[in-house]
Amino acid sequence: PDPSHNPRSADPAVTQGLAEASRNREDVRTELFRALEAVRFHNNSCEPCPTSWLSFEGSCYFFSVPKTTWAAAQGHCANASAHLVIVGGLEEQGFLTRNTRGRGYWLGLRAVRHLGKVQGYQWVDGVSLSFSHWNRGEPNDARGREDCVMMLRTGLWNDAPCDSEKDGWICEKSHAHCSTWYPGGCSLPWLLELITRVFSSSSSTTESQKHSAQHSPVQSSAWALGPPCQPHPNSTHADPT
């Protein structure tokens, strides 16, 4: 009979590809077991928010104890890769109010002036004010020099002089990328996705299996997930004071 029709015969390149795919599967099995052991022993190096910061709705918040001017407060936040807080709505405002601890804090909000008159207010990210939580009678731009906005201990807002008044401040930043890393430096989501791709093919030597061996997901499309295994990034967290 023609060897080309013998199901037990295979092109050497395909055979080599199958062998490599098999070894890759064993490597992945080993890494997966290590990952599962890490889960078992709660080996999780993820820190969504730095120490002394509070977490709410995907952001981290730092409430200062010292007081300073608005510009200095923004500088402290910038040093921590953050910005003065931007209040997006009533729920976030409620979170801030619950954590005032009887103090007043600068917000990341300033007046926009034209010809000496306040035309509106803008957040530090350049977005115009929409949601607001002003105290009664505010903003009043007393003496025409209240360009910055602070939150009273009641949670209500007040416009105030940026340079002559000193208040506490609230910094805000997004959660750091939070994924769990395991022995070998692989993240569990990456491992699980790779396992799905590697073991999705049949173990029989069909034409589709040969094609999979020649174009193994371990060697090609799986790497589109990003770097598979790398050292956990070192991070240092300093309070913005």
C-alpha atoms as a PDB file:
ATOM      1  CA  PRO A   1       0.000   0.000   0.000  1.00  0.00           C
ATOM      2  CA  ASP A   2       0.971   3.603  -0.530  1.00  0.00           C
ATOM      3  CA  PRO A   3       2.679   4.876   2.678  1.00  0.00           C
ATOM      4  CA  SER A   4       1.109   8.261   2.095  1.00  0.00           C
ATOM      5  CA  HIS A   5      -2.277   6.692   2.886  1.00  0.00           C
ATOM      6  CA  ASN A   6      -1.044   4.917   6.004  1.00  0.00           C
ATOM      7  CA  PRO A   7      -2.594   6.720   9.002  1.00  0.00           C
ATOM      8  CA  ARG A   8       0.389   5.662  11.122  1.00  0.00           C
ATOM      9  CA  SER A   9       2.875   7.417   8.857  1.00  0.00           C
ATOM     10  CA  ALA A  10       3.517  11.135   9.156  1.00  0.00           C
ATOM     11  CA  ASP A  11       5.754  13.779   7.759  1.00  0.00           C
ATOM     12  CA  PRO A  12       8.896  14.183   9.939  1.00  0.00           C
ATOM     13  CA  ALA A  13       8.170  17.892  10.374  1.00  0.00           C
ATOM     14  CA  VAL A  14       4.682  17.099  11.640  1.00  0.00           C
ATOM     15  CA  THR A  15       6.048  14.424  13.968  1.00  0.00           C
ATOM     16  CA  GLN A  16       8.546  16.902  15.370  1.00  0.00           C
ATOM     17  CA  GLY A  17       5.800  19.481  15.773  1.00  0.00           C
ATOM     18  CA  LEU A  18       3.643  16.993  17.665  1.00  0.00           C
ATOM     19  CA  ALA A  19       6.534  16.125  19.960  1.00  0.00           C
ATOM     20  CA  GLU A  20       7.217  19.792  20.686  1.00  0.00           C
ATOM     21  CA  ALA A  21       3.541  20.428  21.329  1.00  0.00           C
ATOM     22  CA  SER A  22       3.467  17.496  23.739  1.00  0.00           C
ATOM     23  CA  ARG A  23       6.463  18.859  25.648  1.00  0.00           C
ATOM     24  CA  ASN A  24       4.832  22.281  25.769  1.00  0.00           C
ATOM     25  CA  ARG A  25       1.677  20.736  27.173  1.00  0.00           C
ATOM     26  CA  GLU A  26       3.682  19.072  29.930  1.00  0.00           C
ATOM     27  CA  ASP A  27       5.371  22.381  30.758  1.00  0.00           C
ATOM     28  CA  VAL A  28       2.008  24.093  30.954  1.00  0.00           C
ATOM     29  CA  ARG A  29       0.570  21.303  33.116  1.00  0.00           C
ATOM     30  CA  THR A  30       3.465  21.751  35.526  1.00  0.00           C
ATOM     31  CA  GLU A  31       3.008  25.533  35.646  1.00  0.00           C
ATOM     32  CA  LEU A  32      -0.734  25.172  36.128  1.00  0.00           C
ATOM     33  CA  PHE A  33      -0.282  22.842  39.087  1.00  0.00           C
ATOM     34  CA  ARG A  34       2.134  25.334  40.618  1.00  0.00           C
ATOM     35  CA  ALA A  35      -0.413  28.083  40.085  1.00  0.00           C
ATOM     36  CA  LEU A  36      -3.164  26.067  41.724  1.00  0.00           C
ATOM     37  CA  GLU A  37      -0.908  25.403  44.705  1.00  0.00           C
ATOM     38  CA  ALA A  38      -0.321  29.128  44.957  1.00  0.00           C
ATOM     39  CA  VAL A  39      -4.075  29.703  45.011  1.00  0.00           C
ATOM     40  CA  ARG A  40      -4.410  27.073  47.701  1.00  0.00           C
ATOM     41  CA  PHE A  41      -1.904  28.867  49.912  1.00  0.00           C
ATOM     42  CA  HIS A  42      -3.246  32.354  49.065  1.00  0.00           C
ATOM     43  CA  ASN A  43      -0.062  33.476  47.340  1.00  0.00           C
ATOM     44  CA  ASN A  44      -1.412  36.783  46.067  1.00  0.00           C
ATOM     45  CA  SER A  45       0.880  39.776  45.598  1.00  0.00           C
ATOM     46  CA  CYS A  46      -1.854  42.042  44.258  1.00  0.00           C
ATOM     47  CA  GLU A  47      -2.200  45.342  46.106  1.00  0.00           C
ATOM     48  CA  PRO A  48      -5.021  47.359  44.520  1.00  0.00           C
ATOM     49  CA  CYS A  49      -4.357  50.429  46.701  1.00  0.00           C
ATOM     50  CA  PRO A  50      -1.213  51.485  48.567  1.00  0.00           C
ATOM     51  CA  THR A  51      -1.103  51.405  52.349  1.00  0.00           C
ATOM     52  CA  SER A  52      -2.989  54.346  53.926  1.00  0.00           C
ATOM     53  CA  TRP A  53      -5.193  54.738  50.825  1.00  0.00           C
ATOM     54  CA  LEU A  54      -8.895  53.855  50.701  1.00  0.00           C
ATOM     55  CA  SER A  55     -10.530  51.994  47.840  1.00  0.00           C
ATOM     56  CA  PHE A  56     -13.829  52.914  46.198  1.00  0.00           C
ATOM     57  CA  GLU A  57     -15.300  52.049  42.789  1.00  0.00           C
ATOM     58  CA  GLY A  58     -12.003  51.347  41.040  1.00  0.00           C
ATOM     59  CA  SER A  59     -10.062  54.276  42.493  1.00  0.00           C
ATOM     60  CA  CYS A  60      -7.707  54.793  45.427  1.00  0.00           C
ATOM     61  CA  TYR A  61      -8.057  57.810  47.737  1.00  0.00           C
ATOM     62  CA  PHE A  62      -5.623  59.388  50.181  1.00  0.00           C
ATOM     63  CA  PHE A  63      -6.956  61.731  52.882  1.00  0.00           C
ATOM     64  CA  SER A  64      -4.178  63.919  54.257  1.00  0.00           C
ATOM     65  CA  VAL A  65      -3.693  65.032  57.843  1.00  0.00           C
ATOM     66  CA  PRO A  66      -1.424  68.084  57.227  1.00  0.00           C
ATOM     67  CA  LYS A  67      -2.795  71.243  55.613  1.00  0.00           C
ATOM     68  CA  THR A  68      -1.369  73.250  52.734  1.00  0.00           C
ATOM     69  CA  THR A  69      -2.341  75.458  49.793  1.00  0.00           C
ATOM     70  CA  TRP A  70      -4.220  74.134  46.760  1.00  0.00           C
ATOM     71  CA  ALA A  71      -1.179  74.132  44.450  1.00  0.00           C
ATOM     72  CA  ALA A  72       1.034  72.412  47.018  1.00  0.00           C
ATOM     73  CA  ALA A  73      -1.674  69.806  47.595  1.00  0.00           C
ATOM     74  CA  GLN A  74      -1.849  69.066  43.880  1.00  0.00           C
ATOM     75  CA  GLY A  75       1.935  68.716  43.894  1.00  0.00           C
ATOM     76  CA  HIS A  76       1.804  66.177  46.725  1.00  0.00           C
ATOM     77  CA  CYS A  77      -0.729  64.146  44.766  1.00  0.00           C
ATOM     78  CA  ALA A  78       1.351  64.319  41.579  1.00  0.00           C
ATOM     79  CA  ASN A  79       4.348  62.960  43.502  1.00  0.00           C
ATOM     80  CA  ALA A  80       2.223  59.897  44.272  1.00  0.00           C
ATOM     81  CA  SER A  81       1.156  59.502  40.607  1.00  0.00           C
ATOM     82  CA  ALA A  82      -2.266  60.851  41.537  1.00  0.00           C
ATOM     83  CA  HIS A  83      -4.275  64.091  41.347  1.00  0.00           C
ATOM     84  CA  LEU A  84      -6.579  66.045  43.613  1.00  0.00           C
ATOM     85  CA  VAL A  85      -9.890  64.231  43.785  1.00  0.00           C
ATOM     86  CA  ILE A  86     -12.414  64.570  40.953  1.00  0.00           C
ATOM     87  CA  VAL A  87     -15.947  63.978  42.234  1.00  0.00           C
ATOM     88  CA  GLY A  88     -17.981  62.200  39.590  1.00  0.00           C
ATOM     89  CA  GLY A  89     -21.350  61.814  41.274  1.00  0.00           C
ATOM     90  CA  LEU A  90     -23.432  61.423  44.406  1.00  0.00           C
ATOM     91  CA  GLU A  91     -22.135  57.953  45.310  1.00  0.00           C
ATOM     92  CA  GLU A  92     -18.519  59.084  45.206  1.00  0.00           C
ATOM     93  CA  GLN A  93     -19.474  62.214  47.133  1.00  0.00           C
ATOM     94  CA  GLY A  94     -21.087  60.034  49.801  1.00  0.00           C
ATOM     95  CA  PHE A  95     -17.888  58.010  50.127  1.00  0.00           C
ATOM     96  CA  LEU A  96     -15.843  61.197  50.570  1.00  0.00           C
ATOM     97  CA  THR A  97     -18.282  62.647  53.114  1.00  0.00           C
ATOM     98  CA  ARG A  98     -18.116  59.473  55.206  1.00  0.00           C
ATOM     99  CA  ASN A  99     -14.349  59.818  55.423  1.00  0.00           C
ATOM    100  CA  THR A 100     -13.877  63.520  56.200  1.00  0.00           C
ATOM    101  CA  ARG A 101     -13.085  62.750  59.871  1.00  0.00           C
ATOM    102  CA  GLY A 102     -14.159  66.247  60.796  1.00  0.00           C
ATOM    103  CA  ARG A 103     -11.663  67.938  58.455  1.00  0.00           C
ATOM    104  CA  GLY A 104     -11.813  70.079  55.334  1.00  0.00           C
ATOM    105  CA  TYR A 105     -10.063  69.033  52.110  1.00  0.00           C
ATOM    106  CA  TRP A 106      -9.084  70.558  48.796  1.00  0.00           C
ATOM    107  CA  LEU A 107     -10.817  69.153  45.709  1.00  0.00           C
ATOM    108  CA  GLY A 108      -9.364  69.065  42.206  1.00  0.00           C
ATOM    109  CA  LEU A 109     -11.673  71.853  41.082  1.00  0.00           C
ATOM    110  CA  ARG A 110     -10.882  75.440  40.087  1.00  0.00           C
ATOM    111  CA  ALA A 111     -12.754  78.440  38.757  1.00  0.00           C
ATOM    112  CA  VAL A 112     -12.516  79.472  35.109  1.00  0.00           C
ATOM    113  CA  ARG A 113     -12.374  83.255  34.805  1.00  0.00           C
ATOM    114  CA  HIS A 114     -12.903  85.627  31.919  1.00  0.00           C
ATOM    115  CA  LEU A 115     -12.309  89.355  32.334  1.00  0.00           C
ATOM    116  CA  GLY A 116     -12.043  88.823  36.064  1.00  0.00           C
ATOM    117  CA  LYS A 117     -15.384  87.064  36.464  1.00  0.00           C
ATOM    118  CA  VAL A 118     -15.993  83.387  37.196  1.00  0.00           C
ATOM    119  CA  GLN A 119     -17.496  81.731  34.112  1.00  0.00           C
ATOM    120  CA  GLY A 120     -17.624  78.198  35.470  1.00  0.00           C
ATOM    121  CA  TYR A 121     -15.534  75.503  37.116  1.00  0.00           C
ATOM    122  CA  GLN A 122     -13.175  72.892  35.721  1.00  0.00           C
ATOM    123  CA  TRP A 123     -11.636  69.741  37.156  1.00  0.00           C
ATOM    124  CA  VAL A 124      -7.888  69.148  37.042  1.00  0.00           C
ATOM    125  CA  ASP A 125      -8.366  66.779  34.099  1.00  0.00           C
ATOM    126  CA  GLY A 126      -9.827  69.624  32.029  1.00  0.00           C
ATOM    127  CA  VAL A 127     -13.458  68.470  32.247  1.00  0.00           C
ATOM    128  CA  SER A 128     -16.078  71.100  33.068  1.00  0.00           C
ATOM    129  CA  LEU A 129     -18.104  70.754  36.252  1.00  0.00           C
ATOM    130  CA  SER A 130     -21.400  68.869  35.936  1.00  0.00           C
ATOM    131  CA  PHE A 131     -22.190  67.241  39.297  1.00  0.00           C
ATOM    132  CA  SER A 132     -21.840  69.645  42.246  1.00  0.00           C
ATOM    133  CA  HIS A 133     -22.438  69.601  45.994  1.00  0.00           C
ATOM    134  CA  TRP A 134     -22.194  73.251  47.044  1.00  0.00           C
ATOM    135  CA  ASN A 135     -22.892  74.516  50.531  1.00  0.00           C
ATOM    136  CA  ARG A 136     -25.790  76.970  50.755  1.00  0.00           C
ATOM    137  CA  GLY A 137     -24.812  80.337  49.333  1.00  0.00           C
ATOM    138  CA  GLU A 138     -21.739  78.954  47.559  1.00  0.00           C
ATOM    139  CA  PRO A 139     -19.861  79.572  45.399  1.00  0.00           C
ATOM    140  CA  ASN A 140     -19.804  83.277  46.232  1.00  0.00           C
ATOM    141  CA  ASP A 141     -16.308  84.275  45.029  1.00  0.00           C
ATOM    142  CA  ALA A 142     -15.795  86.499  48.079  1.00  0.00           C
ATOM    143  CA  ARG A 143     -13.633  89.523  47.257  1.00  0.00           C
ATOM    144  CA  GLY A 144     -13.227  88.159  43.750  1.00  0.00           C
ATOM    145  CA  ARG A 145     -10.361  85.840  44.682  1.00  0.00           C
ATOM    146  CA  GLU A 146     -11.871  82.447  45.546  1.00  0.00           C
ATOM    147  CA  ASP A 147     -10.665  80.366  42.620  1.00  0.00           C
ATOM    148  CA  CYS A 148     -10.240  76.977  44.320  1.00  0.00           C
ATOM    149  CA  VAL A 149     -12.787  74.599  45.812  1.00  0.00           C
ATOM    150  CA  MET A 150     -12.587  72.686  49.075  1.00  0.00           C
ATOM    151  CA  MET A 151     -14.917  70.272  50.826  1.00  0.00           C
ATOM    152  CA  LEU A 152     -16.122  71.209  54.295  1.00  0.00           C
ATOM    153  CA  ARG A 153     -16.240  68.647  57.084  1.00  0.00           C
ATOM    154  CA  THR A 154     -19.958  68.262  56.292  1.00  0.00           C
ATOM    155  CA  GLY A 155     -19.062  67.127  52.765  1.00  0.00           C
ATOM    156  CA  LEU A 156     -20.505  70.268  51.188  1.00  0.00           C
ATOM    157  CA  TRP A 157     -18.328  72.372  48.876  1.00  0.00           C
ATOM    158  CA  ASN A 158     -17.009  75.879  49.374  1.00  0.00           C
ATOM    159  CA  ASP A 159     -14.954  78.142  47.124  1.00  0.00           C
ATOM    160  CA  ALA A 160     -11.818  79.502  48.802  1.00  0.00           C
ATOM    161  CA  PRO A 161      -8.604  81.436  48.050  1.00  0.00           C
ATOM    162  CA  CYS A 162      -6.039  79.104  46.470  1.00  0.00           C
ATOM    163  CA  ASP A 163      -2.922  80.640  48.036  1.00  0.00           C
ATOM    164  CA  SER A 164      -3.882  82.113  51.393  1.00  0.00           C
ATOM    165  CA  GLU A 165      -6.026  79.270  52.732  1.00  0.00           C
ATOM    166  CA  LYS A 166      -4.582  75.966  53.888  1.00  0.00           C
ATOM    167  CA  ASP A 167      -6.634  72.791  54.010  1.00  0.00           C
ATOM    168  CA  GLY A 168      -6.135  69.074  53.923  1.00  0.00           C
ATOM    169  CA  TRP A 169      -6.323  67.350  50.558  1.00  0.00           C
ATOM    170  CA  ILE A 170      -7.658  64.209  48.941  1.00  0.00           C
ATOM    171  CA  CYS A 171      -5.597  62.484  46.255  1.00  0.00           C
ATOM    172  CA  GLU A 172      -7.182  60.101  43.779  1.00  0.00           C
ATOM    173  CA  LYS A 173      -5.753  57.587  41.323  1.00  0.00           C
ATOM    174  CA  SER A 174      -6.932  54.493  39.523  1.00  0.00           C
ATOM    175  CA  HIS A 175      -6.251  51.085  40.964  1.00  0.00           C
ATOM    176  CA  ALA A 176      -2.900  49.716  39.900  1.00  0.00           C
ATOM    177  CA  HIS A 177      -3.189  46.818  37.413  1.00  0.00           C
ATOM    178  CA  CYS A 178      -4.198  44.011  39.711  1.00  0.00           C
ATOM    179  CA  SER A 179      -3.439  40.468  38.645  1.00  0.00           C
ATOM    180  CA  THR A 180      -2.285  37.569  40.731  1.00  0.00           C
ATOM    181  CA  TRP A 181       1.222  36.284  40.037  1.00  0.00           C
ATOM    182  CA  TYR A 182       2.404  32.792  40.814  1.00  0.00           C
ATOM    183  CA  PRO A 183       5.632  30.793  40.997  1.00  0.00           C
ATOM    184  CA  GLY A 184       7.376  31.065  37.667  1.00  0.00           C
ATOM    185  CA  GLY A 185       6.155  34.643  37.251  1.00  0.00           C
ATOM    186  CA  CYS A 186       2.989  33.685  35.342  1.00  0.00           C
ATOM    187  CA  SER A 187      -0.378  35.270  35.999  1.00  0.00           C
ATOM    188  CA  LEU A 188      -3.288  32.882  36.516  1.00  0.00           C
ATOM    189  CA  PRO A 189      -5.499  34.454  33.784  1.00  0.00           C
ATOM    190  CA  TRP A 190      -2.674  33.977  31.277  1.00  0.00           C
ATOM    191  CA  LEU A 191      -2.163  30.367  32.340  1.00  0.00           C
ATOM    192  CA  LEU A 192      -5.852  29.492  32.147  1.00  0.00           C
ATOM    193  CA  GLU A 193      -6.205  31.047  28.699  1.00  0.00           C
ATOM    194  CA  LEU A 194      -3.144  29.206  27.481  1.00  0.00           C
ATOM    195  CA  ILE A 195      -4.419  25.906  28.905  1.00  0.00           C
ATOM    196  CA  THR A 196      -7.684  26.397  27.027  1.00  0.00           C
ATOM    197  CA  ARG A 197      -5.858  26.970  23.758  1.00  0.00           C
ATOM    198  CA  VAL A 198      -3.339  24.171  24.176  1.00  0.00           C
ATOM    199  CA  PHE A 199      -5.786  21.440  25.160  1.00  0.00           C
ATOM    200  CA  SER A 200      -8.561  22.410  22.766  1.00  0.00           C
ATOM    201  CA  SER A 201      -7.100  20.285  19.965  1.00  0.00           C
ATOM    202  CA  SER A 202      -7.742  16.562  19.578  1.00  0.00           C
ATOM    203  CA  SER A 203      -5.079  14.031  20.570  1.00  0.00           C
ATOM    204  CA  SER A 204      -5.680  11.977  17.424  1.00  0.00           C
ATOM    205  CA  THR A 205      -3.389  12.323  14.423  1.00  0.00           C
ATOM    206  CA  THR A 206      -5.995  13.785  12.079  1.00  0.00           C
ATOM    207  CA  GLU A 207      -5.220  16.386   9.469  1.00  0.00           C
ATOM    208  CA  SER A 208      -6.535  19.077  11.811  1.00  0.00           C
ATOM    209  CA  GLN A 209      -4.179  17.778  14.528  1.00  0.00           C
ATOM    210  CA  LYS A 210      -1.245  17.923  12.135  1.00  0.00           C
ATOM    211  CA  HIS A 211      -2.172  21.490  11.257  1.00  0.00           C
ATOM    212  CA  SER A 212      -2.414  22.341  14.958  1.00  0.00           C
ATOM    213  CA  ALA A 213       0.991  20.825  15.584  1.00  0.00           C
ATOM    214  CA  GLN A 214       2.532  22.836  12.767  1.00  0.00           C
ATOM    215  CA  HIS A 215       0.846  25.997  14.033  1.00  0.00           C
ATOM    216  CA  SER A 216       0.839  25.241  17.740  1.00  0.00           C
ATOM    217  CA  PRO A 217      -0.987  27.863  19.839  1.00  0.00           C
ATOM    218  CA  VAL A 218       1.914  27.651  22.266  1.00  0.00           C
ATOM    219  CA  GLN A 219       4.218  28.906  19.536  1.00  0.00           C
ATOM    220  CA  SER A 220       1.967  31.453  17.865  1.00  0.00           C
ATOM    221  CA  SER A 221      -1.349  32.957  18.858  1.00  0.00           C
ATOM    222  CA  ALA A 222      -0.949  32.368  22.583  1.00  0.00           C
ATOM    223  CA  TRP A 223       1.840  34.909  22.730  1.00  0.00           C
ATOM    224  CA  ALA A 224      -0.658  37.540  21.599  1.00  0.00           C
ATOM    225  CA  LEU A 225      -1.846  37.437  25.207  1.00  0.00           C
ATOM    226  CA  GLY A 226       1.276  39.375  26.118  1.00  0.00           C
ATOM    227  CA  PRO A 227       4.496  38.324  27.849  1.00  0.00           C
ATOM    228  CA  PRO A 228       3.608  34.945  29.377  1.00  0.00           C
ATOM    229  CA  CYS A 229       5.883  34.795  32.392  1.00  0.00           C
ATOM    230  CA  GLN A 230       8.027  37.534  33.799  1.00  0.00           C
ATOM    231  CA  PRO A 231       9.240  38.708  37.209  1.00  0.00           C
ATOM    232  CA  HIS A 232       6.645  40.413  39.349  1.00  0.00           C
ATOM    233  CA  PRO A 233       7.123  44.177  39.013  1.00  0.00           C
ATOM    234  CA  ASN A 234       8.546  45.751  42.137  1.00  0.00           C
ATOM    235  CA  SER A 235       6.511  48.653  43.399  1.00  0.00           C
ATOM    236  CA  THR A 236       6.965  51.144  46.188  1.00  0.00           C
ATOM    237  CA  HIS A 237       4.128  53.132  47.669  1.00  0.00           C
ATOM    238  CA  ALA A 238       4.741  56.404  49.424  1.00  0.00           C
ATOM    239  CA  ASP A 239       2.106  58.551  51.050  1.00  0.00           C
ATOM    240  CA  PRO A 240       1.791  61.945  49.319  1.00  0.00           C
ATOM    241  CA  THR A 241       2.894  64.037  52.290  1.00  0.00           C
END
